[in-house]
Amino acid sequence: MRRGFLKKPGALSTTAQSDADELSPSISKLTVSEDLPKSNSDAATREPNTSSSQQTSKEKDTQPRSLGWPIDTPSTSNLFTSYQEFRNLYGKAGKPGMTVRGCKDHDASPTDPAFCAWLSYNDVYNQIPNIGWAEPWPTVTSVPYRILPVNGAGLGLVADRAIAAGETINIERPVLITPNVLPTYGNSEDTLQRMYELMMSVLDPRTVTAIKSLSNCKPITKHPSSKLRGIIDTNTLHVIFPQSEYLPHYGGVFLDISRSALRTLHGIGNIVRSQWNFEHYDQFMMENRSPSHTSINGSRVPNGKKDLKAKYDFTCTCLACEPPIPTELQSNTSANGTAKSKSASSLSRKRAAIAASDARRKIIGESKARADTLWKHWTSPNSAQSSTKMTEFHERILQVRGEEGFHKQSEDNYAYLAHACAALADKEGFRRWAKKLIELRQWGPGQTGLDRQMTWERWVEDPTKSQAWGLRGTGTN
């Protein structure tokens, strides 16, 4: 993922004041980092105030957000794919200035160095009170892995012991955070250099030294900012600040997890996942599921080989980064073809597999919006849709996710399936799907995660507590 200035000639200048003038005073402000209050999107799932059995279907809310977590979690704006897309959203956000902030714990003294330097758009900065960050979660006493050479796949994560599904294997705070994309301000490299100098000035010198020791796979130019920019571009992991409606995407540099998480882009596929906790300003690395129960096709990284080459100039040969070849295409390959025809056939199969993969990913990407719309129509009092419409839709999406090895956010599908059963007054169906959601262990860290888990466990005990209970009667229609 590219960090830094979007490469497009010209600066954004739709106001009388130049962008360079707007930026200069804003980046000169240094503030101690603030604690981040819980946002509505991260609040615990709430049960209805009144008993569901005492409400009629017309009195109930058929909006998806009424179902609580995970369905009520608002989707953030997509990552920018073009300059024009960024420019439009930057304008909608009010063309905010930027501030370099030194992030400290709430009990830090004024003379303590910051644990992180954050280059922040002011739309996020203005929403955070100046009371210091919450205490980090306790660190893992023994990291259960090492980074070692793996034959044919570069460096990889190698477990030192058995790791349970759902186990946290590392917790770390970032040392640098920068926006995913920056507007072009006059002389971009000079402006970037000033930003970097300002960011480094709030950190402990030992932290600065550690940052500069990280790997860099980007070209180095004669400009002083080039090497540090390359290190940041190489080592940033995607983090989100949902307080920003239009510019929530940032990249964080972690001294250890950046080295480790990049290895999970290939080889072990979806076995390990990384999770950003913006309340405590730290990143969790967790075992998603047991490697012994993960097939190569089930854990591959879509377009992994292409992405690794584009981002890190690294040619990966592991099976997880190659698209699987459909069985029907394999069976049609003649064993007696010439070397040239075999090569052409192999290329054709790969292209077909990639095209099929892209089509499946498009279905997954559009499924959340379609699911929300479907729920509103399916639960409306006068709905003519069949009682199985919701379950058929989400079972199909789960199938597509399985084909892609793309399990992120599948908790939405399980939640909708459970609530669909509740709408049909099917207690056992609700429990079946709710238990699958619970098995995913995607609650998130801290008290918020515990609250979500406890709510769903209470619903399993009494499915009538679901806000959707009885919305479709007994399911006979």
Protein backbone atom coordinates (compact mmCIF):
# COMPACT_ATOMS: atom_id res chain seq x y z
CA MET A 1 0.00 0.00 0.00
CA ARG A 2 1.51 3.25 -1.11
CA ARG A 3 2.12 5.88 1.56
CA GLY A 4 3.04 9.48 0.94
CA PHE A 5 2.17 11.83 -1.87
CA LEU A 6 -0.13 10.73 -4.61
CA LYS A 7 1.84 11.06 -7.81
CA LYS A 8 -0.15 13.53 -9.83
CA PRO A 9 1.12 16.90 -11.10
CA GLY A 10 -0.24 20.04 -9.54
CA ALA A 11 -1.46 20.96 -6.09
CA LEU A 12 -5.02 21.12 -4.88
CA SER A 13 -5.99 24.78 -5.05
CA THR A 14 -9.71 25.45 -5.18
CA THR A 15 -9.54 28.18 -2.52
CA ALA A 16 -7.93 31.59 -2.62
CA GLN A 17 -5.32 30.56 -0.07
CA SER A 18 -2.67 28.26 -1.49
CA ASP A 19 -2.42 24.72 -0.18
CA ALA A 20 1.18 25.31 0.80
CA ASP A 21 0.10 28.27 2.95
CA GLU A 22 -2.63 26.16 4.50
CA LEU A 23 -0.21 23.36 5.31
CA SER A 24 2.71 25.31 6.74
CA PRO A 25 1.02 26.65 9.89
CA SER A 26 -0.90 23.44 10.49
CA ILE A 27 2.13 21.17 10.52
CA SER A 28 3.96 23.51 12.89
CA LYS A 29 1.52 22.66 15.69
CA LEU A 30 2.75 19.94 18.05
CA THR A 31 0.36 18.55 20.62
CA VAL A 32 0.54 15.81 23.18
CA SER A 33 -1.53 12.89 21.99
CA GLU A 34 -5.02 12.49 23.35
CA ASP A 35 -7.11 9.65 24.60
CA LEU A 36 -9.65 8.43 22.08
CA PRO A 37 -13.22 8.17 23.36
CA LYS A 38 -15.31 5.24 22.26
CA SER A 39 -17.17 6.01 19.07
CA ASN A 40 -20.69 4.89 18.31
CA SER A 41 -19.31 2.39 15.82
CA ASP A 42 -17.31 0.67 18.56
CA ALA A 43 -19.96 0.69 21.25
CA ALA A 44 -21.12 -2.55 22.78
CA THR A 45 -24.08 -4.29 21.21
CA ARG A 46 -27.24 -3.16 22.98
CA GLU A 47 -30.32 -5.23 23.62
CA PRO A 48 -33.80 -3.74 23.11
CA ASN A 49 -35.16 -1.68 25.99
CA THR A 50 -38.41 -3.65 25.99
CA SER A 51 -39.09 -7.32 25.63
CA SER A 52 -39.18 -8.37 21.99
CA SER A 53 -42.19 -10.55 22.67
CA GLN A 54 -44.16 -7.46 23.70
CA GLN A 55 -43.67 -5.72 20.37
CA THR A 56 -45.53 -6.26 17.13
CA SER A 57 -43.66 -6.52 13.85
CA LYS A 58 -44.87 -3.07 12.83
CA GLU A 59 -43.44 -1.54 16.01
CA LYS A 60 -40.04 -3.08 15.46
CA ASP A 61 -37.21 -1.38 13.65
CA THR A 62 -36.41 -3.11 10.37
CA GLN A 63 -33.27 -1.05 9.77
CA PRO A 64 -30.10 -3.21 9.76
CA ARG A 65 -28.42 -0.98 12.36
CA SER A 66 -31.08 -1.98 14.91
CA LEU A 67 -29.52 -5.45 15.04
CA GLY A 68 -26.40 -4.22 16.82
CA TRP A 69 -22.86 -5.49 16.30
CA PRO A 70 -21.51 -6.51 13.83
CA ILE A 71 -24.20 -5.35 11.42
CA ASP A 72 -24.42 -1.82 12.82
CA THR A 73 -20.72 -1.15 12.24
CA PRO A 74 -20.62 1.63 9.60
CA SER A 75 -18.49 0.98 6.57
CA THR A 76 -15.64 3.40 6.02
CA SER A 77 -14.85 4.98 2.68
CA ASN A 78 -12.89 2.74 0.35
CA LEU A 79 -9.16 3.08 -0.19
CA PHE A 80 -8.37 5.60 -2.90
CA THR A 81 -7.67 4.15 -6.33
CA SER A 82 -7.15 7.40 -8.26
CA TYR A 83 -6.10 10.99 -7.75
CA GLN A 84 -9.55 12.25 -8.69
CA GLU A 85 -11.21 9.99 -6.12
CA PHE A 86 -8.90 11.29 -3.38
CA ARG A 87 -9.41 14.88 -4.50
CA ASN A 88 -13.19 14.53 -4.32
CA LEU A 89 -13.15 13.06 -0.80
CA TYR A 90 -10.52 15.53 0.37
CA GLY A 91 -12.83 18.31 -0.76
CA LYS A 92 -15.85 16.74 0.97
CA ALA A 93 -13.83 16.61 4.18
CA GLY A 94 -13.33 20.38 3.93
CA LYS A 95 -9.70 20.19 2.75
CA PRO A 96 -8.44 19.80 6.33
CA GLY A 97 -5.00 20.94 7.36
CA MET A 98 -2.53 18.60 9.02
CA THR A 99 -0.90 18.41 12.43
CA VAL A 100 2.07 16.43 13.68
CA ARG A 101 1.16 15.11 17.09
CA GLY A 102 3.32 13.44 19.68
CA CYS A 103 1.30 10.57 21.15
CA LYS A 104 1.81 9.96 24.88
CA ASP A 105 0.10 8.01 27.65
CA HIS A 106 -2.33 9.89 29.87
CA ASP A 107 0.14 9.78 32.79
CA ALA A 108 3.22 10.89 30.82
CA SER A 109 5.11 13.99 31.90
CA PRO A 110 5.54 16.98 29.54
CA THR A 111 9.22 16.11 29.09
CA ASP A 112 8.66 12.46 28.16
CA PRO A 113 9.20 11.64 24.48
CA ALA A 114 6.21 10.46 22.51
CA PHE A 115 5.78 6.75 21.84
CA CYS A 116 4.45 7.60 18.37
CA ALA A 117 4.56 10.51 15.93
CA TRP A 118 1.28 10.85 14.07
CA LEU A 119 0.78 13.04 11.02
CA SER A 120 -2.97 13.59 11.28
CA TYR A 121 -5.60 15.26 9.18
CA ASN A 122 -7.37 17.81 11.36
CA ASP A 123 -10.79 16.26 10.80
CA VAL A 124 -9.64 13.46 13.14
CA TYR A 125 -7.47 15.68 15.34
CA ASN A 126 -10.36 18.00 16.20
CA GLN A 127 -12.50 15.12 17.51
CA ILE A 128 -10.02 13.82 20.09
CA PRO A 129 -9.84 15.38 23.59
CA ASN A 130 -6.44 16.29 24.99
CA ILE A 131 -6.30 13.85 27.92
CA GLY A 132 -3.70 11.31 26.79
CA TRP A 133 -4.05 7.81 25.35
CA ALA A 134 -5.47 4.86 27.26
CA GLU A 135 -3.03 2.37 28.74
CA PRO A 136 -1.81 -0.22 26.24
CA TRP A 137 -2.88 -3.81 26.65
CA PRO A 138 -0.38 -6.05 28.45
CA THR A 139 2.28 -7.24 26.05
CA VAL A 140 2.69 -10.89 25.17
CA THR A 141 5.24 -12.40 27.57
CA SER A 142 6.69 -14.75 24.98
CA VAL A 143 6.27 -14.22 21.24
CA PRO A 144 5.67 -17.76 19.92
CA TYR A 145 7.33 -17.37 16.54
CA ARG A 146 10.55 -16.48 14.78
CA ILE A 147 11.26 -14.95 11.38
CA LEU A 148 13.32 -17.47 9.42
CA PRO A 149 14.11 -18.25 5.76
CA VAL A 150 11.49 -20.50 4.16
CA ASN A 151 12.53 -22.43 1.07
CA GLY A 152 11.27 -20.69 -2.06
CA ALA A 153 9.30 -18.04 -0.18
CA GLY A 154 11.81 -15.67 1.40
CA LEU A 155 11.50 -14.93 5.11
CA GLY A 156 8.45 -16.24 6.92
CA LEU A 157 6.89 -16.66 10.35
CA VAL A 158 7.80 -20.01 11.91
CA ALA A 159 5.95 -21.04 15.09
CA ASP A 160 8.05 -22.11 18.08
CA ARG A 161 5.15 -23.97 19.67
CA ALA A 162 1.53 -24.91 19.12
CA ILE A 163 -0.65 -21.78 18.86
CA ALA A 164 -4.35 -21.97 19.64
CA ALA A 165 -6.97 -20.41 17.36
CA GLY A 166 -7.83 -16.96 18.65
CA GLU A 167 -4.59 -16.62 20.62
CA THR A 168 -2.93 -13.20 20.61
CA ILE A 169 0.67 -13.71 19.55
CA ASN A 170 1.88 -10.11 19.63
CA ILE A 171 0.72 -6.64 20.73
CA GLU A 172 2.56 -3.48 19.78
CA ARG A 173 2.04 0.24 19.43
CA PRO A 174 3.10 2.07 16.28
CA VAL A 175 6.02 4.47 16.23
CA LEU A 176 4.87 6.40 13.15
CA ILE A 177 1.46 6.98 11.57
CA THR A 178 0.91 8.86 8.31
CA PRO A 179 -2.15 9.33 6.09
CA ASN A 180 -2.64 6.74 3.40
CA VAL A 181 -2.53 9.56 0.84
CA LEU A 182 -1.26 13.13 1.11
CA PRO A 183 -2.20 15.97 -1.24
CA THR A 184 0.55 17.45 -3.39
CA TYR A 185 1.82 20.64 -1.78
CA GLY A 186 4.19 22.64 -3.99
CA ASN A 187 7.59 20.95 -3.80
CA SER A 188 6.40 17.62 -2.45
CA GLU A 189 9.79 16.23 -1.44
CA ASP A 190 10.81 19.36 0.50
CA THR A 191 7.45 19.48 2.27
CA LEU A 192 7.69 15.79 3.08
CA GLN A 193 11.17 16.31 4.50
CA ARG A 194 9.88 19.03 6.84
CA MET A 195 7.07 16.75 7.98
CA TYR A 196 9.48 13.90 8.70
CA GLU A 197 11.84 16.17 10.65
CA LEU A 198 8.93 17.39 12.74
CA MET A 199 7.75 13.82 13.40
CA MET A 200 11.20 12.59 14.40
CA SER A 201 11.67 15.51 16.79
CA VAL A 202 8.95 14.24 19.17
CA LEU A 203 10.33 10.70 19.43
CA ASP A 204 13.04 9.18 21.60
CA PRO A 205 16.34 9.15 19.65
CA ARG A 206 16.54 5.38 20.19
CA THR A 207 13.17 5.00 18.49
CA VAL A 208 14.36 7.09 15.55
CA THR A 209 17.41 4.84 15.22
CA ALA A 210 15.20 1.73 15.29
CA ILE A 211 12.93 3.17 12.60
CA LYS A 212 15.88 3.87 10.33
CA SER A 213 17.07 0.27 10.76
CA LEU A 214 13.91 -1.16 9.17
CA SER A 215 14.06 -2.62 5.67
CA ASN A 216 13.49 -0.52 2.57
CA CYS A 217 12.53 -1.98 -0.81
CA LYS A 218 11.87 1.37 -2.52
CA PRO A 219 14.27 3.27 -4.79
CA ILE A 220 16.48 5.86 -3.07
CA THR A 221 17.01 9.24 -4.74
CA LYS A 222 19.34 12.09 -3.87
CA HIS A 223 16.69 13.87 -1.81
CA PRO A 224 17.21 13.56 1.99
CA SER A 225 13.63 12.35 2.52
CA SER A 226 13.94 9.48 0.06
CA LYS A 227 15.32 6.78 2.37
CA LEU A 228 12.94 7.45 5.26
CA ARG A 229 10.03 7.65 2.87
CA GLY A 230 11.04 4.27 1.44
CA ILE A 231 11.19 2.75 4.93
CA ILE A 232 7.73 4.10 5.74
CA ASP A 233 6.28 2.90 2.43
CA THR A 234 7.79 -0.55 2.95
CA ASN A 235 6.74 -1.09 6.55
CA THR A 236 3.35 0.58 7.02
CA LEU A 237 0.31 -1.49 7.92
CA HIS A 238 -3.22 -0.28 7.24
CA VAL A 239 -4.93 1.34 10.24
CA ILE A 240 -8.28 3.14 10.37
CA PHE A 241 -9.61 6.06 12.41
CA PRO A 242 -13.40 5.80 11.94
CA GLN A 243 -13.96 9.32 13.30
CA SER A 244 -13.17 10.58 9.80
CA GLU A 245 -15.99 10.07 7.33
CA TYR A 246 -13.90 10.71 4.25
CA LEU A 247 -10.21 10.31 5.21
CA PRO A 248 -10.07 7.41 7.70
CA HIS A 249 -7.19 5.49 6.15
CA TYR A 250 -3.70 5.72 7.62
CA GLY A 251 -0.55 3.63 7.67
CA GLY A 252 1.27 2.68 10.87
CA VAL A 253 4.90 1.62 11.24
CA PHE A 254 5.47 -0.99 13.97
CA LEU A 255 9.02 -1.96 14.89
CA ASP A 256 8.20 -5.65 15.32
CA ILE A 257 4.76 -6.34 13.86
CA SER A 258 5.67 -4.54 10.62
CA ARG A 259 8.47 -7.07 10.14
CA SER A 260 6.19 -9.94 11.12
CA ALA A 261 2.86 -9.05 9.55
CA LEU A 262 4.39 -8.50 6.12
CA ARG A 263 5.43 -12.17 6.22
CA THR A 264 1.78 -13.17 6.62
CA LEU A 265 0.97 -11.74 3.19
CA HIS A 266 2.05 -15.04 1.70
CA GLY A 267 2.67 -18.62 2.72
CA ILE A 268 0.32 -18.79 5.72
CA GLY A 269 -2.50 -16.88 4.05
CA ASN A 270 -5.36 -16.19 6.45
CA ILE A 271 -4.02 -18.20 9.39
CA VAL A 272 -2.72 -15.06 11.10
CA ARG A 273 -4.61 -11.78 11.11
CA SER A 274 -3.76 -8.33 12.36
CA GLN A 275 -6.24 -6.10 14.17
CA TRP A 276 -5.91 -2.38 14.93
CA ASN A 277 -7.36 -1.06 18.20
CA PHE A 278 -7.65 2.72 17.86
CA GLU A 279 -8.80 3.22 21.46
CA HIS A 280 -5.55 1.99 22.95
CA TYR A 281 -3.48 2.82 19.89
CA ASP A 282 -2.03 -0.65 19.44
CA GLN A 283 -2.01 -3.50 16.95
CA PHE A 284 -2.87 -7.11 17.76
CA MET A 285 -1.54 -10.06 15.78
CA MET A 286 -3.73 -13.13 16.31
CA GLU A 287 -3.95 -16.74 15.20
CA ASN A 288 -7.06 -16.82 13.03
CA ARG A 289 -7.38 -20.59 12.85
CA SER A 290 -5.23 -23.66 13.28
CA PRO A 291 -2.74 -24.28 10.43
CA SER A 292 -3.55 -28.00 10.63
CA HIS A 293 -7.12 -27.24 9.51
CA THR A 294 -6.17 -24.92 6.66
CA SER A 295 -5.82 -26.10 3.07
CA ILE A 296 -3.60 -24.33 0.56
CA ASN A 297 -6.58 -23.37 -1.61
CA GLY A 298 -8.52 -22.25 1.46
CA SER A 299 -5.79 -19.94 2.73
CA ARG A 300 -4.36 -18.39 -0.40
CA VAL A 301 -3.94 -14.66 -0.79
CA PRO A 302 -5.95 -13.27 -3.75
CA ASN A 303 -3.54 -11.60 -6.22
CA GLY A 304 -0.83 -12.10 -3.59
CA LYS A 305 2.03 -12.61 -6.03
CA LYS A 306 1.08 -9.54 -8.05
CA ASP A 307 0.64 -7.38 -4.94
CA LEU A 308 3.94 -8.45 -3.38
CA LYS A 309 5.80 -7.69 -6.60
CA ALA A 310 4.18 -4.26 -6.98
CA LYS A 311 4.57 -3.18 -3.35
CA TYR A 312 7.81 -4.83 -2.28
CA ASP A 313 9.57 -5.86 -5.54
CA PHE A 314 9.49 -9.42 -4.24
CA THR A 315 8.65 -12.43 -6.40
CA CYS A 316 6.91 -14.97 -4.20
CA THR A 317 6.75 -18.61 -5.28
CA CYS A 318 4.59 -19.98 -2.46
CA LEU A 319 1.34 -21.73 -3.39
CA ALA A 320 -0.79 -19.36 -1.32
CA CYS A 321 0.07 -16.46 -3.63
CA GLU A 322 -0.90 -18.31 -6.81
CA PRO A 323 -4.55 -18.47 -7.90
CA PRO A 324 -5.87 -22.05 -7.79
CA ILE A 325 -6.52 -23.75 -11.11
CA PRO A 326 -10.14 -24.94 -11.33
CA THR A 327 -10.48 -28.74 -11.49
CA GLU A 328 -12.52 -28.61 -14.68
CA LEU A 329 -9.74 -26.67 -16.40
CA GLN A 330 -7.12 -29.12 -15.18
CA SER A 331 -9.07 -32.07 -16.60
CA ASN A 332 -9.31 -30.45 -20.03
CA THR A 333 -5.56 -30.14 -20.41
CA SER A 334 -4.12 -32.60 -22.90
CA ALA A 335 -1.11 -34.54 -21.65
CA ASN A 336 0.29 -34.85 -25.19
CA GLY A 337 0.52 -31.16 -26.13
CA THR A 338 3.75 -29.52 -27.21
CA ALA A 339 5.81 -27.45 -24.78
CA LYS A 340 4.53 -24.27 -26.42
CA SER A 341 0.90 -25.30 -26.26
CA LYS A 342 1.34 -26.39 -22.65
CA SER A 343 2.79 -22.98 -21.80
CA ALA A 344 -0.04 -21.16 -23.57
CA SER A 345 -2.61 -23.43 -21.95
CA SER A 346 -1.09 -22.84 -18.52
CA LEU A 347 -1.18 -19.08 -19.05
CA SER A 348 -4.78 -19.29 -20.24
CA ARG A 349 -5.76 -21.30 -17.17
CA LYS A 350 -4.10 -18.78 -14.88
CA ARG A 351 -5.86 -15.89 -16.58
CA ALA A 352 -9.19 -17.69 -16.30
CA ALA A 353 -8.55 -18.40 -12.63
CA ILE A 354 -7.64 -14.78 -11.97
CA ALA A 355 -10.75 -13.55 -13.80
CA ALA A 356 -12.93 -15.94 -11.79
CA SER A 357 -11.24 -14.80 -8.59
CA ASP A 358 -11.81 -11.14 -9.45
CA ALA A 359 -15.49 -11.87 -10.11
CA ARG A 360 -15.86 -13.58 -6.74
CA ARG A 361 -14.13 -10.73 -4.95
CA LYS A 362 -16.50 -8.27 -6.63
CA ILE A 363 -19.46 -10.25 -5.30
CA ILE A 364 -17.96 -10.17 -1.80
CA GLY A 365 -17.23 -6.45 -2.02
CA GLU A 366 -20.81 -5.61 -2.99
CA SER A 367 -22.46 -8.06 -0.59
CA LYS A 368 -22.67 -5.80 2.48
CA ALA A 369 -24.68 -3.08 0.76
CA ARG A 370 -26.89 -5.68 -0.92
CA ALA A 371 -27.43 -7.48 2.39
CA ASP A 372 -28.55 -4.30 4.13
CA THR A 373 -31.03 -3.49 1.37
CA LEU A 374 -32.29 -7.06 1.26
CA TRP A 375 -32.89 -7.08 5.01
CA LYS A 376 -35.04 -3.93 4.87
CA HIS A 377 -37.21 -5.35 2.08
CA TRP A 378 -37.35 -8.88 3.49
CA THR A 379 -38.49 -7.74 6.95
CA SER A 380 -41.00 -5.13 5.79
CA PRO A 381 -44.59 -5.97 6.86
CA ASN A 382 -45.78 -6.35 3.26
CA SER A 383 -42.77 -8.25 1.92
CA ALA A 384 -43.54 -10.73 -0.86
CA GLN A 385 -40.08 -12.32 -0.73
CA SER A 386 -39.79 -15.97 0.25
CA SER A 387 -38.89 -16.85 3.82
CA THR A 388 -35.64 -18.47 2.63
CA LYS A 389 -34.43 -15.45 0.64
CA MET A 390 -32.11 -14.13 3.39
CA THR A 391 -30.55 -17.47 4.27
CA GLU A 392 -29.98 -18.40 0.63
CA PHE A 393 -28.23 -15.08 -0.02
CA HIS A 394 -25.85 -15.29 2.93
CA GLU A 395 -25.09 -18.99 2.52
CA ARG A 396 -24.06 -18.20 -1.06
CA ILE A 397 -21.80 -15.35 0.10
CA LEU A 398 -20.16 -17.64 2.66
CA GLN A 399 -19.54 -20.15 -0.12
CA VAL A 400 -17.89 -17.49 -2.27
CA ARG A 401 -15.75 -16.35 0.67
CA GLY A 402 -14.63 -19.93 1.18
CA GLU A 403 -13.66 -20.25 -2.49
CA GLU A 404 -11.55 -17.10 -2.18
CA GLY A 405 -10.07 -17.83 1.25
CA PHE A 406 -11.42 -14.40 2.13
CA HIS A 407 -12.99 -14.67 5.57
CA LYS A 408 -12.68 -11.06 6.69
CA GLN A 409 -16.02 -9.63 7.85
CA SER A 410 -17.84 -12.94 7.41
CA GLU A 411 -19.23 -12.27 10.89
CA ASP A 412 -21.83 -10.07 9.15
CA ASN A 413 -23.10 -13.08 7.22
CA TYR A 414 -23.39 -15.27 10.30
CA ALA A 415 -25.12 -12.46 12.21
CA TYR A 416 -27.64 -11.90 9.42
CA LEU A 417 -28.30 -15.65 9.19
CA ALA A 418 -28.93 -15.81 12.94
CA HIS A 419 -31.24 -12.80 12.92
CA ALA A 420 -33.06 -14.15 9.84
CA CYS A 421 -33.87 -17.27 11.86
CA ALA A 422 -35.00 -15.02 14.71
CA ALA A 423 -37.30 -13.17 12.31
CA LEU A 424 -38.85 -16.55 11.48
CA ALA A 425 -39.16 -17.41 15.20
CA ASP A 426 -36.69 -20.28 14.73
CA LYS A 427 -34.77 -20.61 18.00
CA GLU A 428 -32.60 -23.54 16.97
CA GLY A 429 -31.69 -21.91 13.67
CA PHE A 430 -30.69 -18.75 15.51
CA ARG A 431 -28.52 -20.73 17.92
CA ARG A 432 -26.83 -22.66 15.12
CA TRP A 433 -25.69 -19.55 13.25
CA ALA A 434 -24.95 -17.52 16.39
CA LYS A 435 -22.60 -20.24 17.62
CA LYS A 436 -20.73 -20.09 14.32
CA LEU A 437 -20.36 -16.34 14.81
CA ILE A 438 -19.07 -16.89 18.34
CA GLU A 439 -16.52 -19.42 17.02
CA LEU A 440 -15.01 -16.73 14.78
CA ARG A 441 -13.78 -14.82 17.86
CA GLN A 442 -13.89 -11.50 16.01
CA TRP A 443 -15.16 -9.46 18.96
CA GLY A 444 -12.23 -7.07 19.10
CA PRO A 445 -10.01 -6.38 22.11
CA GLY A 446 -10.87 -5.00 25.51
CA GLN A 447 -14.16 -4.36 27.26
CA THR A 448 -15.93 -3.57 24.01
CA GLY A 449 -15.12 -7.04 22.70
CA LEU A 450 -16.22 -8.68 25.95
CA ASP A 451 -19.53 -6.79 25.86
CA ARG A 452 -20.20 -7.94 22.32
CA GLN A 453 -19.40 -11.54 23.20
CA MET A 454 -21.61 -11.51 26.31
CA THR A 455 -24.52 -10.04 24.34
CA TRP A 456 -24.42 -12.79 21.74
CA GLU A 457 -24.05 -15.46 24.40
CA ARG A 458 -27.17 -14.08 26.12
CA TRP A 459 -29.00 -14.16 22.81
CA VAL A 460 -28.03 -17.81 22.37
CA GLU A 461 -29.62 -18.53 25.74
CA ASP A 462 -32.78 -16.63 24.77
CA PRO A 463 -33.09 -15.93 21.02
CA THR A 464 -36.27 -13.92 21.62
CA LYS A 465 -34.00 -11.10 22.82
CA SER A 466 -32.90 -10.57 19.23
CA GLN A 467 -34.33 -7.32 17.88
CA ALA A 468 -35.42 -9.31 14.82
CA TRP A 469 -37.52 -11.83 16.72
CA GLY A 470 -40.82 -12.53 14.99
CA LEU A 471 -40.45 -9.95 12.22
CA ARG A 472 -41.52 -12.59 9.67
CA GLY A 473 -43.98 -14.47 11.87
CA THR A 474 -43.52 -18.24 11.73
CA GLY A 475 -41.88 -18.37 8.33
CA THR A 476 -44.88 -19.83 6.50
CA ASN A 477 -44.92 -17.11 3.83
